[in-house]
């Protein structure tokens, strides 16, 4: 597979890709901080299906620090 593609099949997408973009909403939590539950949920799904080296990019409103 080459080029850019979109799918909802996380397992297939992760296994066939070198670069994975996580772009999900980050609503405010009750205390005003970014609610990272959606980012974490997708990151865990990606991790479960990794089959080698991957570049994972977060494209969400995520504060500095959690991406380390």
PDB file of N, CA and C in Angstrom:
ATOM      1  N   UNK A   1       0.852  -1.166   0.000  1.00  0.00           N
ATOM      2  CA  UNK A   1       0.000   0.000   0.000  1.00  0.00           C
ATOM      3  C   UNK A   1       0.898   1.230   0.000  1.00  0.00           C
ATOM      4  N   UNK A   2       0.581   2.201  -0.808  1.00  0.00           N
ATOM      5  CA  UNK A   2       1.346   3.442  -0.823  1.00  0.00           C
ATOM      6  C   UNK A   2       0.393   4.615  -0.841  1.00  0.00           C
ATOM      7  N   UNK A   3       0.898   5.760  -0.455  1.00  0.00           N
ATOM      8  CA  UNK A   3       0.066   6.948  -0.455  1.00  0.00           C
ATOM      9  C   UNK A   3      -0.716   7.087   0.830  1.00  0.00           C
ATOM     10  N   UNK A   4      -1.648   7.990   0.805  1.00  0.00           N
ATOM     11  CA  UNK A   4      -2.474   8.296   1.956  1.00  0.00           C
ATOM     12  C   UNK A   4      -3.792   7.549   1.858  1.00  0.00           C
ATOM     13  N   UNK A   5      -4.186   6.920   2.948  1.00  0.00           N
ATOM     14  CA  UNK A   5      -5.482   6.248   2.956  1.00  0.00           C
ATOM     15  C   UNK A   5      -6.121   6.409   4.330  1.00  0.00           C
ATOM     16  N   UNK A   6      -7.415   6.215   4.379  1.00  0.00           N
ATOM     17  CA  UNK A   6      -8.179   6.343   5.609  1.00  0.00           C
ATOM     18  C   UNK A   6      -9.004   5.074   5.790  1.00  0.00           C
ATOM     19  N   UNK A   7      -9.142   4.638   7.037  1.00  0.00           N
ATOM     20  CA  UNK A   7      -9.928   3.442   7.322  1.00  0.00           C
ATOM     21  C   UNK A   7     -10.370   3.459   8.771  1.00  0.00           C
ATOM     22  N   UNK A   8     -11.344   2.626   9.079  1.00  0.00           N
ATOM     23  CA  UNK A   8     -11.730   2.425  10.474  1.00  0.00           C
ATOM     24  C   UNK A   8     -11.206   1.087  10.983  1.00  0.00           C
ATOM     25  N   UNK A   9     -10.507   0.344  10.134  1.00  0.00           N
ATOM     26  CA  UNK A   9      -9.926  -0.952  10.498  1.00  0.00           C
ATOM     27  C   UNK A   9      -8.539  -0.714  11.104  1.00  0.00           C
ATOM     28  N   UNK A  10      -8.498  -0.494  12.414  1.00  0.00           N
ATOM     29  CA  UNK A  10      -7.252  -0.116  13.084  1.00  0.00           C
ATOM     30  C   UNK A  10      -6.181  -1.189  12.928  1.00  0.00           C
ATOM     31  N   UNK A  11      -6.530  -2.446  13.103  1.00  0.00           N
ATOM     32  CA  UNK A  11      -5.537  -3.521  13.010  1.00  0.00           C
ATOM     33  C   UNK A  11      -4.826  -3.522  11.655  1.00  0.00           C
ATOM     34  N   UNK A  12      -5.584  -3.516  10.588  1.00  0.00           N
ATOM     35  CA  UNK A  12      -5.011  -3.519   9.245  1.00  0.00           C
ATOM     36  C   UNK A  12      -4.201  -2.255   8.981  1.00  0.00           C
ATOM     37  N   UNK A  13      -4.740  -1.113   9.380  1.00  0.00           N
ATOM     38  CA  UNK A  13      -4.063   0.155   9.139  1.00  0.00           C
ATOM     39  C   UNK A  13      -2.719   0.208   9.847  1.00  0.00           C
ATOM     40  N   UNK A  14      -2.688  -0.188  11.104  1.00  0.00           N
ATOM     41  CA  UNK A  14      -1.439  -0.149  11.878  1.00  0.00           C
ATOM     42  C   UNK A  14      -0.414  -1.099  11.284  1.00  0.00           C
ATOM     43  N   UNK A  15      -0.830  -2.291  10.952  1.00  0.00           N
ATOM     44  CA  UNK A  15       0.118  -3.286  10.457  1.00  0.00           C
ATOM     45  C   UNK A  15       0.683  -2.935   9.087  1.00  0.00           C
ATOM     46  N   UNK A  16      -0.061  -2.202   8.272  1.00  0.00           N
ATOM     47  CA  UNK A  16       0.385  -1.878   6.914  1.00  0.00           C
ATOM     48  C   UNK A  16       1.069  -0.511   6.814  1.00  0.00           C
ATOM     49  N   UNK A  17       1.085   0.267   7.885  1.00  0.00           N
ATOM     50  CA  UNK A  17       1.565   1.640   7.816  1.00  0.00           C
ATOM     51  C   UNK A  17       2.913   1.825   8.490  1.00  0.00           C
ATOM     52  N   UNK A  18       3.632   2.836   8.033  1.00  0.00           N
ATOM     53  CA  UNK A  18       4.860   3.257   8.696  1.00  0.00           C
ATOM     54  C   UNK A  18       4.572   4.465   9.582  1.00  0.00           C
ATOM     55  N   UNK A  19       3.691   5.358   9.122  1.00  0.00           N
ATOM     56  CA  UNK A  19       3.324   6.547   9.895  1.00  0.00           C
ATOM     57  C   UNK A  19       1.835   6.497  10.224  1.00  0.00           C
ATOM     58  N   UNK A  20       1.525   6.770  11.471  1.00  0.00           N
ATOM     59  CA  UNK A  20       0.142   6.724  11.945  1.00  0.00           C
ATOM     60  C   UNK A  20      -0.164   8.063  12.612  1.00  0.00           C
ATOM     61  N   UNK A  21      -1.222   8.722  12.174  1.00  0.00           N
ATOM     62  CA  UNK A  21      -1.629   9.990  12.752  1.00  0.00           C
ATOM     63  C   UNK A  21      -2.817   9.759  13.674  1.00  0.00           C
ATOM     64  N   UNK A  22      -2.707  10.211  14.903  1.00  0.00           N
ATOM     65  CA  UNK A  22      -3.822  10.178  15.842  1.00  0.00           C
ATOM     66  C   UNK A  22      -4.392  11.597  15.882  1.00  0.00           C
ATOM     67  N   UNK A  23      -5.588  11.758  15.362  1.00  0.00           N
ATOM     68  CA  UNK A  23      -6.229  13.074  15.304  1.00  0.00           C
ATOM     69  C   UNK A  23      -7.642  12.939  15.853  1.00  0.00           C
ATOM     70  N   UNK A  24      -7.771  13.177  17.137  1.00  0.00           N
ATOM     71  CA  UNK A  24      -9.066  13.033  17.812  1.00  0.00           C
ATOM     72  C   UNK A  24      -9.341  14.280  18.641  1.00  0.00           C
ATOM     73  N   UNK A  25     -10.569  14.438  19.023  1.00  0.00           N
ATOM     74  CA  UNK A  25     -10.948  15.582  19.837  1.00  0.00           C
ATOM     75  C   UNK A  25     -10.379  15.492  21.244  1.00  0.00           C
ATOM     76  N   UNK A  26     -10.072  16.644  21.812  1.00  0.00           N
ATOM     77  CA  UNK A  26      -9.603  16.720  23.195  1.00  0.00           C
ATOM     78  C   UNK A  26     -10.421  17.788  23.917  1.00  0.00           C
ATOM     79  N   UNK A  27     -11.636  17.428  24.310  1.00  0.00           N
ATOM     80  CA  UNK A  27     -12.483  18.412  24.994  1.00  0.00           C
ATOM     81  C   UNK A  27     -11.898  18.780  26.363  1.00  0.00           C
ATOM     82  N   UNK A  28     -12.383  19.854  26.942  1.00  0.00           N
ATOM     83  CA  UNK A  28     -11.935  20.240  28.279  1.00  0.00           C
ATOM     84  C   UNK A  28     -12.583  19.343  29.321  1.00  0.00           C
ATOM     85  N   UNK A  29     -11.797  18.985  30.334  1.00  0.00           N
ATOM     86  CA  UNK A  29     -12.371  18.246  31.464  1.00  0.00           C
ATOM     87  C   UNK A  29     -12.988  19.262  32.426  1.00  0.00           C
ATOM     88  N   UNK A  30     -13.587  18.787  33.493  1.00  0.00           N
ATOM     89  CA  UNK A  30     -14.289  19.661  34.433  1.00  0.00           C
ATOM     90  C   UNK A  30     -13.379  20.735  35.025  1.00  0.00           C
ATOM     91  N   UNK A  31     -12.089  20.426  35.189  1.00  0.00           N
ATOM     92  CA  UNK A  31     -11.168  21.397  35.782  1.00  0.00           C
ATOM     93  C   UNK A  31     -10.508  22.311  34.737  1.00  0.00           C
ATOM     94  N   UNK A  32     -10.915  22.181  33.463  1.00  0.00           N
ATOM     95  CA  UNK A  32     -10.390  23.035  32.408  1.00  0.00           C
ATOM     96  C   UNK A  32      -9.192  22.463  31.664  1.00  0.00           C
ATOM     97  N   UNK A  33      -8.643  21.368  32.149  1.00  0.00           N
ATOM     98  CA  UNK A  33      -7.505  20.725  31.480  1.00  0.00           C
ATOM     99  C   UNK A  33      -7.997  19.945  30.265  1.00  0.00           C
ATOM    100  N   UNK A  34      -7.083  19.624  29.372  1.00  0.00           N
ATOM    101  CA  UNK A  34      -7.442  18.823  28.195  1.00  0.00           C
ATOM    102  C   UNK A  34      -7.809  17.407  28.635  1.00  0.00           C
ATOM    103  N   UNK A  35      -8.922  16.914  28.147  1.00  0.00           N
ATOM    104  CA  UNK A  35      -9.374  15.544  28.432  1.00  0.00           C
ATOM    105  C   UNK A  35      -8.714  14.634  27.398  1.00  0.00           C
ATOM    106  N   UNK A  36      -7.731  13.863  27.823  1.00  0.00           N
ATOM    107  CA  UNK A  36      -6.919  13.054  26.917  1.00  0.00           C
ATOM    108  C   UNK A  36      -7.423  11.628  26.741  1.00  0.00           C
ATOM    109  N   UNK A  37      -8.611  11.319  27.240  1.00  0.00           N
ATOM    110  CA  UNK A  37      -9.080   9.920  27.186  1.00  0.00           C
ATOM    111  C   UNK A  37      -9.181   9.383  25.763  1.00  0.00           C
ATOM    112  N   UNK A  38      -9.584  10.204  24.792  1.00  0.00           N
ATOM    113  CA  UNK A  38      -9.703   9.720  23.416  1.00  0.00           C
ATOM    114  C   UNK A  38      -8.332   9.475  22.800  1.00  0.00           C
ATOM    115  N   UNK A  39      -7.384  10.355  23.087  1.00  0.00           N
ATOM    116  CA  UNK A  39      -6.004  10.175  22.607  1.00  0.00           C
ATOM    117  C   UNK A  39      -5.435   8.882  23.174  1.00  0.00           C
ATOM    118  N   UNK A  40      -5.612   8.671  24.474  1.00  0.00           N
ATOM    119  CA  UNK A  40      -5.092   7.462  25.128  1.00  0.00           C
ATOM    120  C   UNK A  40      -5.756   6.208  24.581  1.00  0.00           C
ATOM    121  N   UNK A  41      -7.050   6.248  24.351  1.00  0.00           N
ATOM    122  CA  UNK A  41      -7.781   5.096  23.823  1.00  0.00           C
ATOM    123  C   UNK A  41      -7.250   4.681  22.453  1.00  0.00           C
ATOM    124  N   UNK A  42      -7.042   5.656  21.574  1.00  0.00           N
ATOM    125  CA  UNK A  42      -6.527   5.357  20.236  1.00  0.00           C
ATOM    126  C   UNK A  42      -5.078   4.887  20.321  1.00  0.00           C
ATOM    127  N   UNK A  43      -4.273   5.528  21.161  1.00  0.00           N
ATOM    128  CA  UNK A  43      -2.865   5.130  21.310  1.00  0.00           C
ATOM    129  C   UNK A  43      -2.762   3.685  21.788  1.00  0.00           C
ATOM    130  N   UNK A  44      -3.605   3.281  22.713  1.00  0.00           N
ATOM    131  CA  UNK A  44      -3.593   1.890  23.177  1.00  0.00           C
ATOM    132  C   UNK A  44      -4.021   0.929  22.067  1.00  0.00           C
ATOM    133  N   UNK A  45      -4.998   1.330  21.265  1.00  0.00           N
ATOM    134  CA  UNK A  45      -5.419   0.494  20.137  1.00  0.00           C
ATOM    135  C   UNK A  45      -4.295   0.334  19.128  1.00  0.00           C
ATOM    136  N   UNK A  46      -3.602   1.418  18.848  1.00  0.00           N
ATOM    137  CA  UNK A  46      -2.454   1.357  17.928  1.00  0.00           C
ATOM    138  C   UNK A  46      -1.396   0.420  18.504  1.00  0.00           C
ATOM    139  N   UNK A  47      -1.073   0.586  19.782  1.00  0.00           N
ATOM    140  CA  UNK A  47      -0.032  -0.235  20.422  1.00  0.00           C
ATOM    141  C   UNK A  47      -0.369  -1.726  20.363  1.00  0.00           C
ATOM    142  N   UNK A  48      -1.627  -2.069  20.542  1.00  0.00           N
ATOM    143  CA  UNK A  48      -2.034  -3.484  20.525  1.00  0.00           C
ATOM    144  C   UNK A  48      -1.767  -4.149  19.180  1.00  0.00           C
ATOM    145  N   UNK A  49      -1.737  -3.371  18.104  1.00  0.00           N
ATOM    146  CA  UNK A  49      -1.612  -3.948  16.763  1.00  0.00           C
ATOM    147  C   UNK A  49      -0.259  -3.682  16.104  1.00  0.00           C
ATOM    148  N   UNK A  50       0.682  -3.106  16.839  1.00  0.00           N
ATOM    149  CA  UNK A  50       1.996  -2.801  16.252  1.00  0.00           C
ATOM    150  C   UNK A  50       2.717  -4.100  15.912  1.00  0.00           C
ATOM    151  N   UNK A  51       3.340  -4.103  14.751  1.00  0.00           N
ATOM    152  CA  UNK A  51       4.087  -5.278  14.308  1.00  0.00           C
ATOM    153  C   UNK A  51       5.508  -4.901  13.878  1.00  0.00           C
ATOM    154  N   UNK A  52       5.999  -3.792  14.370  1.00  0.00           N
ATOM    155  CA  UNK A  52       7.331  -3.325  14.020  1.00  0.00           C
ATOM    156  C   UNK A  52       7.430  -1.837  14.232  1.00  0.00           C
ATOM    157  N   UNK A  53       8.501  -1.252  13.681  1.00  0.00           N
ATOM    158  CA  UNK A  53       8.743   0.174  13.838  1.00  0.00           C
ATOM    159  C   UNK A  53       7.634   0.990  13.180  1.00  0.00           C
ATOM    160  N   UNK A  54       7.145   1.993  13.882  1.00  0.00           N
ATOM    161  CA  UNK A  54       6.110   2.904  13.375  1.00  0.00           C
ATOM    162  C   UNK A  54       6.408   4.312  13.876  1.00  0.00           C
ATOM    163  N   UNK A  55       6.021   5.305  13.112  1.00  0.00           N
ATOM    164  CA  UNK A  55       6.052   6.693  13.556  1.00  0.00           C
ATOM    165  C   UNK A  55       4.617   7.044  13.915  1.00  0.00           C
ATOM    166  N   UNK A  56       4.395   7.420  15.166  1.00  0.00           N
ATOM    167  CA  UNK A  56       3.050   7.770  15.619  1.00  0.00           C
ATOM    168  C   UNK A  56       3.035   9.268  15.913  1.00  0.00           C
ATOM    169  N   UNK A  57       2.139   9.973  15.235  1.00  0.00           N
ATOM    170  CA  UNK A  57       2.041  11.429  15.344  1.00  0.00           C
ATOM    171  C   UNK A  57       0.716  11.774  15.991  1.00  0.00           C
ATOM    172  N   UNK A  58       0.752  12.597  17.039  1.00  0.00           N
ATOM    173  CA  UNK A  58      -0.499  13.081  17.621  1.00  0.00           C
ATOM    174  C   UNK A  58      -0.820  14.435  17.018  1.00  0.00           C
ATOM    175  N   UNK A  59      -1.992  14.532  16.434  1.00  0.00           N
ATOM    176  CA  UNK A  59      -2.470  15.790  15.837  1.00  0.00           C
ATOM    177  C   UNK A  59      -3.776  16.137  16.542  1.00  0.00           C
ATOM    178  N   UNK A  60      -3.635  16.481  17.800  1.00  0.00           N
ATOM    179  CA  UNK A  60      -4.774  16.859  18.618  1.00  0.00           C
ATOM    180  C   UNK A  60      -4.314  17.993  19.520  1.00  0.00           C
ATOM    181  N   UNK A  61      -5.229  18.605  20.215  1.00  0.00           N
ATOM    182  CA  UNK A  61      -4.865  19.662  21.145  1.00  0.00           C
ATOM    183  C   UNK A  61      -4.387  18.997  22.428  1.00  0.00           C
ATOM    184  N   UNK A  62      -3.122  18.610  22.407  1.00  0.00           N
ATOM    185  CA  UNK A  62      -2.532  17.897  23.541  1.00  0.00           C
ATOM    186  C   UNK A  62      -1.474  18.799  24.149  1.00  0.00           C
ATOM    187  N   UNK A  63      -1.527  18.995  25.479  1.00  0.00           N
ATOM    188  CA  UNK A  63      -0.497  19.824  26.105  1.00  0.00           C
ATOM    189  C   UNK A  63       0.882  19.165  26.009  1.00  0.00           C
ATOM    190  N   UNK A  64       1.918  19.973  26.171  1.00  0.00           N
ATOM    191  CA  UNK A  64       3.281  19.436  26.100  1.00  0.00           C
ATOM    192  C   UNK A  64       3.468  18.421  27.234  1.00  0.00           C
ATOM    193  N   UNK A  65       4.135  17.329  26.939  1.00  0.00           N
ATOM    194  CA  UNK A  65       4.448  16.344  27.968  1.00  0.00           C
ATOM    195  C   UNK A  65       3.866  14.967  27.725  1.00  0.00           C
ATOM    196  N   UNK A  66       2.560  14.810  27.477  1.00  0.00           N
ATOM    197  CA  UNK A  66       1.983  13.471  27.349  1.00  0.00           C
ATOM    198  C   UNK A  66       2.519  12.665  26.161  1.00  0.00           C
ATOM    199  N   UNK A  67       3.078  13.319  25.160  1.00  0.00           N
ATOM    200  CA  UNK A  67       3.555  12.607  23.971  1.00  0.00           C
ATOM    201  C   UNK A  67       4.918  11.957  24.126  1.00  0.00           C
ATOM    202  N   UNK A  68       5.537  12.118  25.264  1.00  0.00           N
ATOM    203  CA  UNK A  68       6.873  11.546  25.469  1.00  0.00           C
ATOM    204  C   UNK A  68       6.841  10.064  25.614  1.00  0.00           C
TER     205      UNK A  68
END
